[in-house]
Structure formats: C-alpha cells, structure tokens
Amino acid sequence: MFIAYVVAASLLALVLIASGRAKLVRDEKVSEGMHKIGVPDSWFPRLSALEISGALGLIVGIFYRPLGIAASVGIILYFIGAIITHLRAKDTKGLPMPAVLMAVAVAPLLFGIATV
C-alpha cells in the first residue's frame, strides 16, 4: 500500500502543481473557464495556493502520513467546492474535471489510511 500511496500522491501532486501554476500565470484557457463560472481574478492566487499546498502536503505525506491524509481531505473539499461552483453556474461542460480530480483525490486518502 505504501507504493500505491506514493504513486497516487505523486501523480495527483503533479496535476495540482500544473493547475496551480496555470492559475498563477493566468493561463488564458483557465482564466476564461473560471470567469465563465463567476470566479473573480482576486481568487486566482488563493486557489493556486490551495492547490500547491495540497500538492506539497501529499508529497510530505510520503514521509509523514498524517499530513498526507490531511492534504487529501483538503483536496477533496477543494474539489467539492469546485463542483458546487460549476453546478451553481449551470456549467455542465466544466463539471467532469473537478469531479474526476475529486475522485482521484480519494485514492491517496484511502492508501494513506491503510498505511498509517
């Protein structure tokens, strides 16, 4: 289970870092999608910080599992918020990405709990 945690946490961390970076540099495609659902520019740095912090928590969780578990829970809550935001904006086209990432974030949580 330890190797499964390392693989799941590392892959999710890479995705979160890429997403956080895209928000920080205001990638045109990301900005357009976020503006469409009503997210103001002032939220981009905060959302980026949450994603990057979650990624770092997953990586540190390789060595200190409780932090990895906490990071997984935080990431799941982050993506629940993203799903709610898409639903409130009636943006069904943008809904699959946060839903899939939320489901993927469950893997490091379960593997982390199994290896405590």
PDB file of N, CA and C in Angstrom:
ATOM      1  N   MET A   1       0.808  -1.201   0.000  1.00  0.00           N
ATOM      2  CA  MET A   1       0.000   0.000   0.000  1.00  0.00           C
ATOM      3  C   MET A   1       0.852   1.268   0.000  1.00  0.00           C
ATOM      4  N   PHE A   2       2.050   1.183   0.562  1.00  0.00           N
ATOM      5  CA  PHE A   2       2.924   2.357   0.587  1.00  0.00           C
ATOM      6  C   PHE A   2       3.261   2.802  -0.833  1.00  0.00           C
ATOM      7  N   ILE A   3       3.600   1.865  -1.691  1.00  0.00           N
ATOM      8  CA  ILE A   3       3.950   2.217  -3.077  1.00  0.00           C
ATOM      9  C   ILE A   3       2.734   2.802  -3.784  1.00  0.00           C
ATOM     10  N   ALA A   4       1.560   2.254  -3.529  1.00  0.00           N
ATOM     11  CA  ALA A   4       0.334   2.783  -4.125  1.00  0.00           C
ATOM     12  C   ALA A   4       0.107   4.226  -3.678  1.00  0.00           C
ATOM     13  N   TYR A   5       0.358   4.499  -2.389  1.00  0.00           N
ATOM     14  CA  TYR A   5       0.212   5.870  -1.902  1.00  0.00           C
ATOM     15  C   TYR A   5       1.193   6.794  -2.615  1.00  0.00           C
ATOM     16  N   VAL A   6       2.450   6.373  -2.721  1.00  0.00           N
ATOM     17  CA  VAL A   6       3.475   7.204  -3.350  1.00  0.00           C
ATOM     18  C   VAL A   6       3.096   7.517  -4.791  1.00  0.00           C
ATOM     19  N   VAL A   7       2.646   6.526  -5.525  1.00  0.00           N
ATOM     20  CA  VAL A   7       2.273   6.732  -6.931  1.00  0.00           C
ATOM     21  C   VAL A   7       1.063   7.661  -7.032  1.00  0.00           C
ATOM     22  N   ALA A   8       0.005   7.369  -6.275  1.00  0.00           N
ATOM     23  CA  ALA A   8      -1.219   8.188  -6.340  1.00  0.00           C
ATOM     24  C   ALA A   8      -0.946   9.617  -5.895  1.00  0.00           C
ATOM     25  N   ALA A   9      -0.214   9.774  -4.804  1.00  0.00           N
ATOM     26  CA  ALA A   9       0.078  11.113  -4.285  1.00  0.00           C
ATOM     27  C   ALA A   9       0.954  11.891  -5.251  1.00  0.00           C
ATOM     28  N   SER A  10       1.945  11.239  -5.829  1.00  0.00           N
ATOM     29  CA  SER A  10       2.852  11.930  -6.756  1.00  0.00           C
ATOM     30  C   SER A  10       2.129  12.389  -8.015  1.00  0.00           C
ATOM     31  N   LEU A  11       1.308  11.511  -8.582  1.00  0.00           N
ATOM     32  CA  LEU A  11       0.587  11.888  -9.806  1.00  0.00           C
ATOM     33  C   LEU A  11      -0.414  13.007  -9.539  1.00  0.00           C
ATOM     34  N   LEU A  12      -1.144  12.906  -8.441  1.00  0.00           N
ATOM     35  CA  LEU A  12      -2.099  13.969  -8.106  1.00  0.00           C
ATOM     36  C   LEU A  12      -1.364  15.271  -7.808  1.00  0.00           C
ATOM     37  N   ALA A  13      -0.231  15.184  -7.149  1.00  0.00           N
ATOM     38  CA  ALA A  13       0.555  16.390  -6.848  1.00  0.00           C
ATOM     39  C   ALA A  13       1.009  17.077  -8.140  1.00  0.00           C
ATOM     40  N   LEU A  14       1.419  16.304  -9.124  1.00  0.00           N
ATOM     41  CA  LEU A  14       1.831  16.897 -10.402  1.00  0.00           C
ATOM     42  C   LEU A  14       0.673  17.639 -11.067  1.00  0.00           C
ATOM     43  N   VAL A  15      -0.505  17.032 -11.036  1.00  0.00           N
ATOM     44  CA  VAL A  15      -1.691  17.675 -11.624  1.00  0.00           C
ATOM     45  C   VAL A  15      -2.027  18.956 -10.871  1.00  0.00           C
ATOM     46  N   LEU A  16      -1.966  18.911  -9.551  1.00  0.00           N
ATOM     47  CA  LEU A  16      -2.296  20.086  -8.741  1.00  0.00           C
ATOM     48  C   LEU A  16      -1.287  21.212  -8.953  1.00  0.00           C
ATOM     49  N   ILE A  17      -0.013  20.875  -9.070  1.00  0.00           N
ATOM     50  CA  ILE A  17       1.001  21.907  -9.309  1.00  0.00           C
ATOM     51  C   ILE A  17       0.792  22.549 -10.674  1.00  0.00           C
ATOM     52  N   ALA A  18       0.484  21.739 -11.686  1.00  0.00           N
ATOM     53  CA  ALA A  18       0.232  22.291 -13.022  1.00  0.00           C
ATOM     54  C   ALA A  18      -0.999  23.201 -13.013  1.00  0.00           C
ATOM     55  N   SER A  19      -2.047  22.779 -12.326  1.00  0.00           N
ATOM     56  CA  SER A  19      -3.263  23.579 -12.243  1.00  0.00           C
ATOM     57  C   SER A  19      -3.020  24.870 -11.460  1.00  0.00           C
ATOM     58  N   GLY A  20      -2.304  24.758 -10.353  1.00  0.00           N
ATOM     59  CA  GLY A  20      -1.986  25.942  -9.557  1.00  0.00           C
ATOM     60  C   GLY A  20      -1.138  26.933 -10.337  1.00  0.00           C
ATOM     61  N   ARG A  21      -0.179  26.419 -11.090  1.00  0.00           N
ATOM     62  CA  ARG A  21       0.669  27.285 -11.922  1.00  0.00           C
ATOM     63  C   ARG A  21      -0.169  28.003 -12.980  1.00  0.00           C
ATOM     64  N   ALA A  22      -1.088  27.264 -13.609  1.00  0.00           N
ATOM     65  CA  ALA A  22      -1.938  27.867 -14.642  1.00  0.00           C
ATOM     66  C   ALA A  22      -2.760  29.018 -14.078  1.00  0.00           C
ATOM     67  N   LYS A  23      -3.216  28.880 -12.848  1.00  0.00           N
ATOM     68  CA  LYS A  23      -3.979  29.963 -12.217  1.00  0.00           C
ATOM     69  C   LYS A  23      -3.069  31.137 -11.865  1.00  0.00           C
ATOM     70  N   LEU A  24      -1.864  30.837 -11.412  1.00  0.00           N
ATOM     71  CA  LEU A  24      -0.932  31.907 -11.038  1.00  0.00           C
ATOM     72  C   LEU A  24      -0.533  32.769 -12.229  1.00  0.00           C
ATOM     73  N   VAL A  25      -0.262  32.129 -13.359  1.00  0.00           N
ATOM     74  CA  VAL A  25       0.172  32.877 -14.542  1.00  0.00           C
ATOM     75  C   VAL A  25      -1.017  33.342 -15.386  1.00  0.00           C
ATOM     76  N   ARG A  26      -2.213  33.057 -14.884  1.00  0.00           N
ATOM     77  CA  ARG A  26      -3.451  33.449 -15.563  1.00  0.00           C
ATOM     78  C   ARG A  26      -3.505  32.914 -16.998  1.00  0.00           C
ATOM     79  N   ASP A  27      -3.292  31.608 -17.104  1.00  0.00           N
ATOM     80  CA  ASP A  27      -3.392  30.937 -18.402  1.00  0.00           C
ATOM     81  C   ASP A  27      -4.742  31.297 -19.032  1.00  0.00           C
ATOM     82  N   GLU A  28      -4.717  31.649 -20.296  1.00  0.00           N
ATOM     83  CA  GLU A  28      -5.913  32.158 -20.968  1.00  0.00           C
ATOM     84  C   GLU A  28      -7.083  31.173 -20.917  1.00  0.00           C
ATOM     85  N   LYS A  29      -6.798  29.904 -21.181  1.00  0.00           N
ATOM     86  CA  LYS A  29      -7.869  28.901 -21.192  1.00  0.00           C
ATOM     87  C   LYS A  29      -8.468  28.721 -19.794  1.00  0.00           C
ATOM     88  N   VAL A  30      -7.627  28.671 -18.793  1.00  0.00           N
ATOM     89  CA  VAL A  30      -8.091  28.510 -17.418  1.00  0.00           C
ATOM     90  C   VAL A  30      -8.864  29.747 -16.969  1.00  0.00           C
ATOM     91  N   SER A  31      -8.318  30.922 -17.242  1.00  0.00           N
ATOM     92  CA  SER A  31      -8.982  32.170 -16.847  1.00  0.00           C
ATOM     93  C   SER A  31     -10.358  32.294 -17.474  1.00  0.00           C
ATOM     94  N   GLU A  32     -10.438  31.959 -18.747  1.00  0.00           N
ATOM     95  CA  GLU A  32     -11.715  32.054 -19.452  1.00  0.00           C
ATOM     96  C   GLU A  32     -12.761  31.142 -18.815  1.00  0.00           C
ATOM     97  N   GLY A  33     -12.371  29.911 -18.515  1.00  0.00           N
ATOM     98  CA  GLY A  33     -13.298  28.964 -17.896  1.00  0.00           C
ATOM     99  C   GLY A  33     -13.730  29.394 -16.506  1.00  0.00           C
ATOM    100  N   MET A  34     -12.791  29.949 -15.749  1.00  0.00           N
ATOM    101  CA  MET A  34     -13.119  30.364 -14.388  1.00  0.00           C
ATOM    102  C   MET A  34     -13.981  31.619 -14.376  1.00  0.00           C
ATOM    103  N   HIS A  35     -13.730  32.528 -15.304  1.00  0.00           N
ATOM    104  CA  HIS A  35     -14.568  33.727 -15.395  1.00  0.00           C
ATOM    105  C   HIS A  35     -15.990  33.342 -15.792  1.00  0.00           C
ATOM    106  N   LYS A  36     -16.099  32.332 -16.647  1.00  0.00           N
ATOM    107  CA  LYS A  36     -17.405  31.878 -17.116  1.00  0.00           C
ATOM    108  C   LYS A  36     -18.291  31.400 -15.962  1.00  0.00           C
ATOM    109  N   ILE A  37     -17.677  30.842 -14.923  1.00  0.00           N
ATOM    110  CA  ILE A  37     -18.476  30.355 -13.789  1.00  0.00           C
ATOM    111  C   ILE A  37     -18.523  31.358 -12.638  1.00  0.00           C
ATOM    112  N   GLY A  38     -17.972  32.548 -12.879  1.00  0.00           N
ATOM    113  CA  GLY A  38     -18.111  33.628 -11.908  1.00  0.00           C
ATOM    114  C   GLY A  38     -17.002  33.766 -10.887  1.00  0.00           C
ATOM    115  N   VAL A  39     -15.840  33.173 -11.147  1.00  0.00           N
ATOM    116  CA  VAL A  39     -14.727  33.290 -10.205  1.00  0.00           C
ATOM    117  C   VAL A  39     -13.954  34.569 -10.526  1.00  0.00           C
ATOM    118  N   PRO A  40     -13.846  35.498  -9.583  1.00  0.00           N
ATOM    119  CA  PRO A  40     -13.130  36.746  -9.851  1.00  0.00           C
ATOM    120  C   PRO A  40     -11.609  36.534  -9.871  1.00  0.00           C
ATOM    121  N   ASP A  41     -10.920  37.446 -10.547  1.00  0.00           N
ATOM    122  CA  ASP A  41      -9.453  37.371 -10.641  1.00  0.00           C
ATOM    123  C   ASP A  41      -8.791  37.371  -9.271  1.00  0.00           C
ATOM    124  N   SER A  42      -9.377  38.039  -8.319  1.00  0.00           N
ATOM    125  CA  SER A  42      -8.758  38.138  -6.993  1.00  0.00           C
ATOM    126  C   SER A  42      -8.670  36.776  -6.290  1.00  0.00           C
ATOM    127  N   TRP A  43      -9.443  35.790  -6.718  1.00  0.00           N
ATOM    128  CA  TRP A  43      -9.415  34.463  -6.112  1.00  0.00           C
ATOM    129  C   TRP A  43      -8.309  33.584  -6.676  1.00  0.00           C
ATOM    130  N   PHE A  44      -7.781  33.923  -7.843  1.00  0.00           N
ATOM    131  CA  PHE A  44      -6.800  33.062  -8.504  1.00  0.00           C
ATOM    132  C   PHE A  44      -5.587  32.758  -7.626  1.00  0.00           C
ATOM    133  N   PRO A  45      -4.947  33.760  -7.000  1.00  0.00           N
ATOM    134  CA  PRO A  45      -3.781  33.435  -6.169  1.00  0.00           C
ATOM    135  C   PRO A  45      -4.128  32.529  -4.983  1.00  0.00           C
ATOM    136  N   ARG A  46      -5.294  32.744  -4.385  1.00  0.00           N
ATOM    137  CA  ARG A  46      -5.702  31.914  -3.246  1.00  0.00           C
ATOM    138  C   ARG A  46      -5.963  30.478  -3.671  1.00  0.00           C
ATOM    139  N   LEU A  47      -6.685  30.320  -4.780  1.00  0.00           N
ATOM    140  CA  LEU A  47      -6.968  28.976  -5.269  1.00  0.00           C
ATOM    141  C   LEU A  47      -5.684  28.267  -5.672  1.00  0.00           C
ATOM    142  N   SER A  48      -4.787  29.009  -6.290  1.00  0.00           N
ATOM    143  CA  SER A  48      -3.489  28.451  -6.665  1.00  0.00           C
ATOM    144  C   SER A  48      -2.712  28.009  -5.432  1.00  0.00           C
ATOM    145  N   ALA A  49      -2.712  28.840  -4.399  1.00  0.00           N
ATOM    146  CA  ALA A  49      -2.005  28.497  -3.160  1.00  0.00           C
ATOM    147  C   ALA A  49      -2.596  27.240  -2.527  1.00  0.00           C
ATOM    148  N   LEU A  50      -3.913  27.095  -2.572  1.00  0.00           N
ATOM    149  CA  LEU A  50      -4.540  25.896  -2.011  1.00  0.00           C
ATOM    150  C   LEU A  50      -4.112  24.649  -2.775  1.00  0.00           C
ATOM    151  N   GLU A  51      -4.087  24.735  -4.101  1.00  0.00           N
ATOM    152  CA  GLU A  51      -3.691  23.574  -4.896  1.00  0.00           C
ATOM    153  C   GLU A  51      -2.228  23.207  -4.665  1.00  0.00           C
ATOM    154  N   ILE A  52      -1.366  24.199  -4.669  1.00  0.00           N
ATOM    155  CA  ILE A  52       0.063  23.930  -4.477  1.00  0.00           C
ATOM    156  C   ILE A  52       0.320  23.428  -3.056  1.00  0.00           C
ATOM    157  N   SER A  53      -0.376  23.975  -2.075  1.00  0.00           N
ATOM    158  CA  SER A  53      -0.234  23.494  -0.691  1.00  0.00           C
ATOM    159  C   SER A  53      -0.699  22.051  -0.573  1.00  0.00           C
ATOM    160  N   GLY A  54      -1.789  21.727  -1.230  1.00  0.00           N
ATOM    161  CA  GLY A  54      -2.270  20.344  -1.227  1.00  0.00           C
ATOM    162  C   GLY A  54      -1.254  19.397  -1.838  1.00  0.00           C
ATOM    163  N   ALA A  55      -0.643  19.834  -2.938  1.00  0.00           N
ATOM    164  CA  ALA A  55       0.377  19.011  -3.594  1.00  0.00           C
ATOM    165  C   ALA A  55       1.575  18.795  -2.673  1.00  0.00           C
ATOM    166  N   LEU A  56       2.015  19.858  -2.024  1.00  0.00           N
ATOM    167  CA  LEU A  56       3.149  19.733  -1.098  1.00  0.00           C
ATOM    168  C   LEU A  56       2.794  18.846   0.088  1.00  0.00           C
ATOM    169  N   GLY A  57       1.569  18.959   0.567  1.00  0.00           N
ATOM    170  CA  GLY A  57       1.117  18.107   1.670  1.00  0.00           C
ATOM    171  C   GLY A  57       1.116  16.636   1.289  1.00  0.00           C
ATOM    172  N   LEU A  58       0.709  16.341   0.054  1.00  0.00           N
ATOM    173  CA  LEU A  58       0.732  14.950  -0.411  1.00  0.00           C
ATOM    174  C   LEU A  58       2.162  14.415  -0.465  1.00  0.00           C
ATOM    175  N   ILE A  59       3.084  15.243  -0.949  1.00  0.00           N
ATOM    176  CA  ILE A  59       4.483  14.810  -1.060  1.00  0.00           C
ATOM    177  C   ILE A  59       5.100  14.618   0.324  1.00  0.00           C
ATOM    178  N   VAL A  60       4.877  15.569   1.212  1.00  0.00           N
ATOM    179  CA  VAL A  60       5.403  15.423   2.580  1.00  0.00           C
ATOM    180  C   VAL A  60       4.748  14.216   3.257  1.00  0.00           C
ATOM    181  N   GLY A  61       3.512  13.916   2.862  1.00  0.00           N
ATOM    182  CA  GLY A  61       2.799  12.771   3.406  1.00  0.00           C
ATOM    183  C   GLY A  61       3.469  11.441   3.122  1.00  0.00           C
ATOM    184  N   ILE A  62       4.363  11.413   2.149  1.00  0.00           N
ATOM    185  CA  ILE A  62       5.130  10.192   1.893  1.00  0.00           C
ATOM    186  C   ILE A  62       5.974   9.852   3.125  1.00  0.00           C
ATOM    187  N   PHE A  63       6.467  10.885   3.788  1.00  0.00           N
ATOM    188  CA  PHE A  63       7.342  10.696   4.939  1.00  0.00           C
ATOM    189  C   PHE A  63       6.605  10.817   6.277  1.00  0.00           C
ATOM    190  N   TYR A  64       5.513  11.573   6.280  1.00  0.00           N
ATOM    191  CA  TYR A  64       4.719  11.779   7.494  1.00  0.00           C
ATOM    192  C   TYR A  64       3.250  11.634   7.106  1.00  0.00           C
ATOM    193  N   ARG A  65       2.768  10.403   7.180  1.00  0.00           N
ATOM    194  CA  ARG A  65       1.469  10.046   6.634  1.00  0.00           C
ATOM    195  C   ARG A  65       0.292  10.899   7.124  1.00  0.00           C
ATOM    196  N   PRO A  66       0.217  11.305   8.404  1.00  0.00           N
ATOM    197  CA  PRO A  66      -0.932  12.121   8.818  1.00  0.00           C
ATOM    198  C   PRO A  66      -1.080  13.408   7.995  1.00  0.00           C
ATOM    199  N   LEU A  67       0.018  14.007   7.600  1.00  0.00           N
ATOM    200  CA  LEU A  67      -0.072  15.212   6.773  1.00  0.00           C
ATOM    201  C   LEU A  67      -0.615  14.874   5.386  1.00  0.00           C
ATOM    202  N   GLY A  68      -0.208  13.749   4.841  1.00  0.00           N
ATOM    203  CA  GLY A  68      -0.730  13.325   3.540  1.00  0.00           C
ATOM    204  C   GLY A  68      -2.219  13.062   3.588  1.00  0.00           C
ATOM    205  N   ILE A  69      -2.671  12.466   4.686  1.00  0.00           N
ATOM    206  CA  ILE A  69      -4.101  12.206   4.847  1.00  0.00           C
ATOM    207  C   ILE A  69      -4.862  13.526   4.961  1.00  0.00           C
ATOM    208  N   ALA A  70      -4.334  14.448   5.755  1.00  0.00           N
ATOM    209  CA  ALA A  70      -4.980  15.765   5.897  1.00  0.00           C
ATOM    210  C   ALA A  70      -5.003  16.506   4.563  1.00  0.00           C
ATOM    211  N   ALA A  71      -3.921  16.424   3.813  1.00  0.00           N
ATOM    212  CA  ALA A  71      -3.868  17.082   2.500  1.00  0.00           C
ATOM    213  C   ALA A  71      -4.906  16.476   1.561  1.00  0.00           C
ATOM    214  N   SER A  72      -5.049  15.162   1.600  1.00  0.00           N
ATOM    215  CA  SER A  72      -6.056  14.504   0.755  1.00  0.00           C
ATOM    216  C   SER A  72      -7.467  14.982   1.096  1.00  0.00           C
ATOM    217  N   VAL A  73      -7.755  15.082   2.374  1.00  0.00           N
ATOM    218  CA  VAL A  73      -9.075  15.568   2.799  1.00  0.00           C
ATOM    219  C   VAL A  73      -9.284  16.999   2.310  1.00  0.00           C
ATOM    220  N   GLY A  74      -8.262  17.841   2.458  1.00  0.00           N
ATOM    221  CA  GLY A  74      -8.355  19.222   1.991  1.00  0.00           C
ATOM    222  C   GLY A  74      -8.574  19.307   0.487  1.00  0.00           C
ATOM    223  N   ILE A  75      -7.895  18.460  -0.262  1.00  0.00           N
ATOM    224  CA  ILE A  75      -8.042  18.454  -1.721  1.00  0.00           C
ATOM    225  C   ILE A  75      -9.451  18.004  -2.108  1.00  0.00           C
ATOM    226  N   ILE A  76      -9.955  17.001  -1.421  1.00  0.00           N
ATOM    227  CA  ILE A  76     -11.319  16.546  -1.696  1.00  0.00           C
ATOM    228  C   ILE A  76     -12.311  17.676  -1.424  1.00  0.00           C
ATOM    229  N   LEU A  77     -12.147  18.377  -0.320  1.00  0.00           N
ATOM    230  CA  LEU A  77     -13.041  19.503  -0.009  1.00  0.00           C
ATOM    231  C   LEU A  77     -12.907  20.619  -1.038  1.00  0.00           C
ATOM    232  N   TYR A  78     -11.688  20.875  -1.489  1.00  0.00           N
ATOM    233  CA  TYR A  78     -11.445  21.894  -2.517  1.00  0.00           C
ATOM    234  C   TYR A  78     -12.243  21.554  -3.781  1.00  0.00           C
ATOM    235  N   PHE A  79     -12.169  20.301  -4.200  1.00  0.00           N
ATOM    236  CA  PHE A  79     -12.866  19.922  -5.430  1.00  0.00           C
ATOM    237  C   PHE A  79     -14.374  19.814  -5.231  1.00  0.00           C
ATOM    238  N   ILE A  80     -14.839  19.539  -4.018  1.00  0.00           N
ATOM    239  CA  ILE A  80     -16.280  19.610  -3.758  1.00  0.00           C
ATOM    240  C   ILE A  80     -16.746  21.054  -3.959  1.00  0.00           C
ATOM    241  N   GLY A  81     -15.945  22.010  -3.473  1.00  0.00           N
ATOM    242  CA  GLY A  81     -16.261  23.422  -3.703  1.00  0.00           C
ATOM    243  C   GLY A  81     -16.278  23.769  -5.181  1.00  0.00           C
ATOM    244  N   ALA A  82     -15.334  23.210  -5.938  1.00  0.00           N
ATOM    245  CA  ALA A  82     -15.298  23.464  -7.380  1.00  0.00           C
ATOM    246  C   ALA A  82     -16.534  22.886  -8.069  1.00  0.00           C
ATOM    247  N   ILE A  83     -16.933  21.693  -7.646  1.00  0.00           N
ATOM    248  CA  ILE A  83     -18.129  21.074  -8.224  1.00  0.00           C
ATOM    249  C   ILE A  83     -19.361  21.922  -7.920  1.00  0.00           C
ATOM    250  N   ILE A  84     -19.490  22.379  -6.693  1.00  0.00           N
ATOM    251  CA  ILE A  84     -20.625  23.220  -6.311  1.00  0.00           C
ATOM    252  C   ILE A  84     -20.635  24.506  -7.131  1.00  0.00           C
ATOM    253  N   THR A  85     -19.467  25.099  -7.335  1.00  0.00           N
ATOM    254  CA  THR A  85     -19.377  26.328  -8.127  1.00  0.00           C
ATOM    255  C   THR A  85     -19.841  26.087  -9.565  1.00  0.00           C
ATOM    256  N   HIS A  86     -19.417  24.980 -10.151  1.00  0.00           N
ATOM    257  CA  HIS A  86     -19.846  24.655 -11.523  1.00  0.00           C
ATOM    258  C   HIS A  86     -21.355  24.402 -11.569  1.00  0.00           C
ATOM    259  N   LEU A  87     -21.882  23.712 -10.572  1.00  0.00           N
ATOM    260  CA  LEU A  87     -23.326  23.444 -10.554  1.00  0.00           C
ATOM    261  C   LEU A  87     -24.131  24.729 -10.393  1.00  0.00           C
ATOM    262  N   ARG A  88     -23.670  25.623  -9.525  1.00  0.00           N
ATOM    263  CA  ARG A  88     -24.384  26.891  -9.327  1.00  0.00           C
ATOM    264  C   ARG A  88     -24.389  27.729 -10.591  1.00  0.00           C
ATOM    265  N   ALA A  89     -23.305  27.633 -11.384  1.00  0.00           N
ATOM    266  CA  ALA A  89     -23.215  28.396 -12.630  1.00  0.00           C
ATOM    267  C   ALA A  89     -23.874  27.654 -13.794  1.00  0.00           C
ATOM    268  N   LYS A  90     -24.422  26.464 -13.503  1.00  0.00           N
ATOM    269  CA  LYS A  90     -25.048  25.624 -14.530  1.00  0.00           C
ATOM    270  C   LYS A  90     -24.067  25.306 -15.666  1.00  0.00           C
ATOM    271  N   ASP A  91     -22.812  25.081 -15.289  1.00  0.00           N
ATOM    272  CA  ASP A  91     -21.753  24.764 -16.250  1.00  0.00           C
ATOM    273  C   ASP A  91     -21.504  23.255 -16.239  1.00  0.00           C
ATOM    274  N   THR A  92     -22.328  22.525 -16.992  1.00  0.00           N
ATOM    275  CA  THR A  92     -22.187  21.074 -17.012  1.00  0.00           C
ATOM    276  C   THR A  92     -20.975  20.635 -17.843  1.00  0.00           C
ATOM    277  N   LYS A  93     -20.536  21.476 -18.759  1.00  0.00           N
ATOM    278  CA  LYS A  93     -19.357  21.122 -19.566  1.00  0.00           C
ATOM    279  C   LYS A  93     -18.081  21.111 -18.724  1.00  0.00           C
ATOM    280  N   GLY A  94     -17.992  22.000 -17.751  1.00  0.00           N
ATOM    281  CA  GLY A  94     -16.801  22.086 -16.921  1.00  0.00           C
ATOM    282  C   GLY A  94     -16.837  21.191 -15.692  1.00  0.00           C
ATOM    283  N   LEU A  95     -17.933  20.507 -15.486  1.00  0.00           N
ATOM    284  CA  LEU A  95     -18.116  19.691 -14.287  1.00  0.00           C
ATOM    285  C   LEU A  95     -17.264  18.423 -14.222  1.00  0.00           C
ATOM    286  N   PRO A  96     -17.014  17.738 -15.335  1.00  0.00           N
ATOM    287  CA  PRO A  96     -16.263  16.471 -15.227  1.00  0.00           C
ATOM    288  C   PRO A  96     -14.852  16.606 -14.640  1.00  0.00           C
ATOM    289  N   MET A  97     -14.129  17.661 -14.964  1.00  0.00           N
ATOM    290  CA  MET A  97     -12.746  17.777 -14.486  1.00  0.00           C
ATOM    291  C   MET A  97     -12.648  17.818 -12.958  1.00  0.00           C
ATOM    292  N   PRO A  98     -13.361  18.715 -12.270  1.00  0.00           N
ATOM    293  CA  PRO A  98     -13.252  18.686 -10.808  1.00  0.00           C
ATOM    294  C   PRO A  98     -13.833  17.407 -10.202  1.00  0.00           C
ATOM    295  N   ALA A  99     -14.840  16.827 -10.852  1.00  0.00           N
ATOM    296  CA  ALA A  99     -15.425  15.588 -10.326  1.00  0.00           C
ATOM    297  C   ALA A  99     -14.425  14.439 -10.406  1.00  0.00           C
ATOM    298  N   VAL A 100     -13.722  14.340 -11.520  1.00  0.00           N
ATOM    299  CA  VAL A 100     -12.722  13.283 -11.678  1.00  0.00           C
ATOM    300  C   VAL A 100     -11.565  13.507 -10.708  1.00  0.00           C
ATOM    301  N   LEU A 101     -11.103  14.753 -10.585  1.00  0.00           N
ATOM    302  CA  LEU A 101      -9.994  15.033  -9.676  1.00  0.00           C
ATOM    303  C   LEU A 101     -10.376  14.780  -8.225  1.00  0.00           C
ATOM    304  N   MET A 102     -11.623  15.046  -7.883  1.00  0.00           N
ATOM    305  CA  MET A 102     -12.073  14.737  -6.527  1.00  0.00           C
ATOM    306  C   MET A 102     -12.040  13.229  -6.300  1.00  0.00           C
ATOM    307  N   ALA A 103     -12.509  12.482  -7.284  1.00  0.00           N
ATOM    308  CA  ALA A 103     -12.496  11.023  -7.157  1.00  0.00           C
ATOM    309  C   ALA A 103     -11.065  10.497  -7.076  1.00  0.00           C
ATOM    310  N   VAL A 104     -10.160  11.081  -7.846  1.00  0.00           N
ATOM    311  CA  VAL A 104      -8.756  10.674  -7.816  1.00  0.00           C
ATOM    312  C   VAL A 104      -8.133  10.997  -6.458  1.00  0.00           C
ATOM    313  N   ALA A 105      -8.555  12.102  -5.848  1.00  0.00           N
ATOM    314  CA  ALA A 105      -8.009  12.507  -4.544  1.00  0.00           C
ATOM    315  C   ALA A 105      -8.404  11.537  -3.433  1.00  0.00           C
ATOM    316  N   VAL A 106      -9.400  10.715  -3.674  1.00  0.00           N
ATOM    317  CA  VAL A 106      -9.807   9.721  -2.671  1.00  0.00           C
ATOM    318  C   VAL A 106      -8.740   8.625  -2.558  1.00  0.00           C
ATOM    319  N   ALA A 107      -8.046   8.327  -3.662  1.00  0.00           N
ATOM    320  CA  ALA A 107      -7.045   7.247  -3.648  1.00  0.00           C
ATOM    321  C   ALA A 107      -5.936   7.489  -2.626  1.00  0.00           C
ATOM    322  N   PRO A 108      -5.250   8.659  -2.653  1.00  0.00           N
ATOM    323  CA  PRO A 108      -4.222   8.845  -1.637  1.00  0.00           C
ATOM    324  C   PRO A 108      -4.780   8.845  -0.212  1.00  0.00           C
ATOM    325  N   LEU A 109      -6.015   9.291  -0.060  1.00  0.00           N
ATOM    326  CA  LEU A 109      -6.636   9.252   1.268  1.00  0.00           C
ATOM    327  C   LEU A 109      -6.761   7.806   1.754  1.00  0.00           C
ATOM    328  N   LEU A 110      -7.321   6.958   0.921  1.00  0.00           N
ATOM    329  CA  LEU A 110      -7.519   5.554   1.322  1.00  0.00           C
ATOM    330  C   LEU A 110      -6.191   4.828   1.492  1.00  0.00           C
ATOM    331  N   PHE A 111      -5.259   5.052   0.562  1.00  0.00           N
ATOM    332  CA  PHE A 111      -3.944   4.395   0.683  1.00  0.00           C
ATOM    333  C   PHE A 111      -3.195   4.925   1.901  1.00  0.00           C
ATOM    334  N   GLY A 112      -3.347   6.215   2.179  1.00  0.00           N
ATOM    335  CA  GLY A 112      -2.703   6.792   3.352  1.00  0.00           C
ATOM    336  C   GLY A 112      -3.232   6.209   4.641  1.00  0.00           C
ATOM    337  N   ILE A 113      -4.551   6.066   4.714  1.00  0.00           N
ATOM    338  CA  ILE A 113      -5.160   5.487   5.917  1.00  0.00           C
ATOM    339  C   ILE A 113      -4.717   4.024   6.077  1.00  0.00           C
ATOM    340  N   ALA A 114      -4.606   3.314   4.951  1.00  0.00           N
ATOM    341  CA  ALA A 114      -4.228   1.905   5.007  1.00  0.00           C
ATOM    342  C   ALA A 114      -2.777   1.700   5.445  1.00  0.00           C
ATOM    343  N   THR A 115      -1.947   2.732   5.306  1.00  0.00           N
ATOM    344  CA  THR A 115      -0.522   2.563   5.636  1.00  0.00           C
ATOM    345  C   THR A 115      -0.112   3.310   6.893  1.00  0.00           C
ATOM    346  N   VAL A 116      -1.070   3.789   7.662  1.00  0.00           N
ATOM    347  CA  VAL A 116      -0.714   4.500   8.896  1.00  0.00           C
ATOM    348  C   VAL A 116      -0.118   3.543   9.900  1.00  0.00           C
TER     349      VAL A 116
END
